């Protein structure tokens, strides 16, 4: 993350995560939702256009998660709208403020 306040605001207020732990470190942020934790460290020189960071998050309620993000006006990646992929996963993707790619997926049955 380049800016802790911006990252924290995005994950808490847009995506619905919560801060994990009782300690606050200037250059470190831990967030969680359900059983998922994401840890960020400060990297002020990060160039978002050169960031290839990615996280794949499995869920059991992909349609609800997707709709919640749309309701919160979260920008979905232009090539990442919710769809069932040929490999059997129902997925969508978004980019956080530092261009970390977050892909959410659920096994389609």
Protein backbone atom coordinates (compact mmCIF):
# COMPACT_ATOMS: atom_id res chain seq x y z
CA UNK A 1 0.00 0.00 0.00
CA UNK A 2 1.15 3.50 -0.74
CA UNK A 3 -1.27 5.28 1.58
CA UNK A 4 -2.55 3.50 4.68
CA UNK A 5 -5.53 5.84 5.19
CA UNK A 6 -6.70 5.36 1.59
CA UNK A 7 -6.25 1.57 1.71
CA UNK A 8 -8.00 1.34 5.07
CA UNK A 9 -10.91 3.47 3.87
CA UNK A 10 -11.34 1.38 0.71
CA UNK A 11 -11.28 -2.01 2.42
CA UNK A 12 -13.44 -0.97 5.39
CA UNK A 13 -15.94 1.41 3.81
CA UNK A 14 -16.22 -0.02 0.29
CA UNK A 15 -15.56 -3.73 0.72
CA UNK A 16 -16.84 -4.25 4.27
CA UNK A 17 -13.64 -5.54 5.89
CA UNK A 18 -12.77 -4.72 9.51
CA UNK A 19 -9.45 -3.90 11.14
CA UNK A 20 -7.80 -6.98 12.62
CA UNK A 21 -6.07 -6.72 16.00
CA UNK A 22 -5.77 -4.07 18.66
CA UNK A 23 -2.40 -2.61 17.65
CA UNK A 24 -1.96 0.11 15.05
CA UNK A 25 1.35 0.28 13.21
CA UNK A 26 2.24 3.25 11.01
CA UNK A 27 3.44 1.15 8.08
CA UNK A 28 1.30 -1.99 8.45
CA UNK A 29 -2.41 -2.74 8.12
CA UNK A 30 -4.35 -5.94 8.80
CA UNK A 31 -7.96 -6.32 7.68
CA UNK A 32 -10.38 -9.23 7.75
CA UNK A 33 -13.81 -10.36 6.69
CA UNK A 34 -15.26 -13.73 7.65
CA UNK A 35 -12.25 -16.09 7.69
CA UNK A 36 -10.14 -13.97 5.32
CA UNK A 37 -7.25 -11.79 6.47
CA UNK A 38 -5.22 -9.50 4.23
CA UNK A 39 -2.04 -7.86 5.51
CA UNK A 40 -0.56 -4.75 3.87
CA UNK A 41 2.81 -3.15 4.32
CA UNK A 42 3.72 0.39 3.34
CA UNK A 43 5.43 0.76 -0.03
CA UNK A 44 5.35 4.47 -0.84
CA UNK A 45 7.38 4.03 -4.06
CA UNK A 46 4.95 1.50 -5.50
CA UNK A 47 3.97 2.36 -9.06
CA UNK A 48 0.38 1.10 -9.45
CA UNK A 49 0.90 0.67 -13.20
CA UNK A 50 3.66 -1.84 -12.45
CA UNK A 51 1.91 -3.63 -9.58
CA UNK A 52 1.12 -7.27 -10.28
CA UNK A 53 -0.12 -8.11 -6.76
CA UNK A 54 -3.07 -10.52 -6.76
CA UNK A 55 -5.29 -12.24 -4.22
CA UNK A 56 -7.88 -14.94 -4.92
CA UNK A 57 -10.71 -15.04 -2.38
CA UNK A 58 -13.10 -18.00 -2.33
CA UNK A 59 -16.62 -17.37 -1.12
CA UNK A 60 -19.85 -19.31 -0.76
CA UNK A 61 -22.14 -16.40 -1.66
CA UNK A 62 -20.60 -14.79 -4.74
CA UNK A 63 -23.81 -13.24 -6.08
CA UNK A 64 -24.48 -11.51 -2.76
CA UNK A 65 -20.88 -10.26 -2.46
CA UNK A 66 -20.97 -8.93 -6.03
CA UNK A 67 -24.29 -7.14 -5.49
CA UNK A 68 -23.06 -5.61 -2.23
CA UNK A 69 -20.02 -4.21 -4.01
CA UNK A 70 -22.19 -2.81 -6.79
CA UNK A 71 -24.49 -1.22 -4.19
CA UNK A 72 -21.40 0.35 -2.54
CA UNK A 73 -20.31 1.70 -5.95
CA UNK A 74 -17.15 -0.40 -6.00
CA UNK A 75 -15.58 -0.32 -9.45
CA UNK A 76 -15.45 -3.79 -10.96
CA UNK A 77 -12.51 -4.53 -13.26
CA UNK A 78 -13.60 -3.87 -16.89
CA UNK A 79 -12.71 -7.46 -17.81
CA UNK A 80 -13.84 -8.90 -14.50
CA UNK A 81 -17.61 -8.76 -14.26
CA UNK A 82 -19.37 -11.67 -12.60
CA UNK A 83 -19.53 -14.72 -14.84
CA UNK A 84 -19.12 -18.47 -14.77
CA UNK A 85 -15.74 -19.38 -16.19
CA UNK A 86 -15.05 -22.44 -18.38
CA UNK A 87 -13.12 -24.02 -15.47
CA UNK A 88 -16.25 -24.10 -13.30
CA UNK A 89 -15.69 -21.09 -11.06
CA UNK A 90 -18.11 -18.18 -10.85
CA UNK A 91 -15.82 -15.14 -10.55
CA UNK A 92 -15.42 -11.39 -10.63
CA UNK A 93 -12.43 -9.11 -10.14
CA UNK A 94 -11.62 -5.61 -9.00
CA UNK A 95 -8.57 -3.44 -8.46
CA UNK A 96 -7.88 -1.73 -5.14
CA UNK A 97 -6.37 1.80 -4.98
CA UNK A 98 -2.86 0.39 -5.56
CA UNK A 99 -3.92 -1.91 -8.43
CA UNK A 100 -3.79 -5.08 -6.35
CA UNK A 101 -6.07 -7.47 -8.24
CA UNK A 102 -8.73 -9.08 -6.06
CA UNK A 103 -10.57 -11.97 -7.66
CA UNK A 104 -13.56 -13.43 -5.86
CA UNK A 105 -14.67 -16.92 -6.81
CA UNK A 106 -17.13 -19.65 -5.97
CA UNK A 107 -17.31 -23.18 -7.32
CA UNK A 108 -20.30 -23.32 -9.61
CA UNK A 109 -22.54 -26.31 -9.23
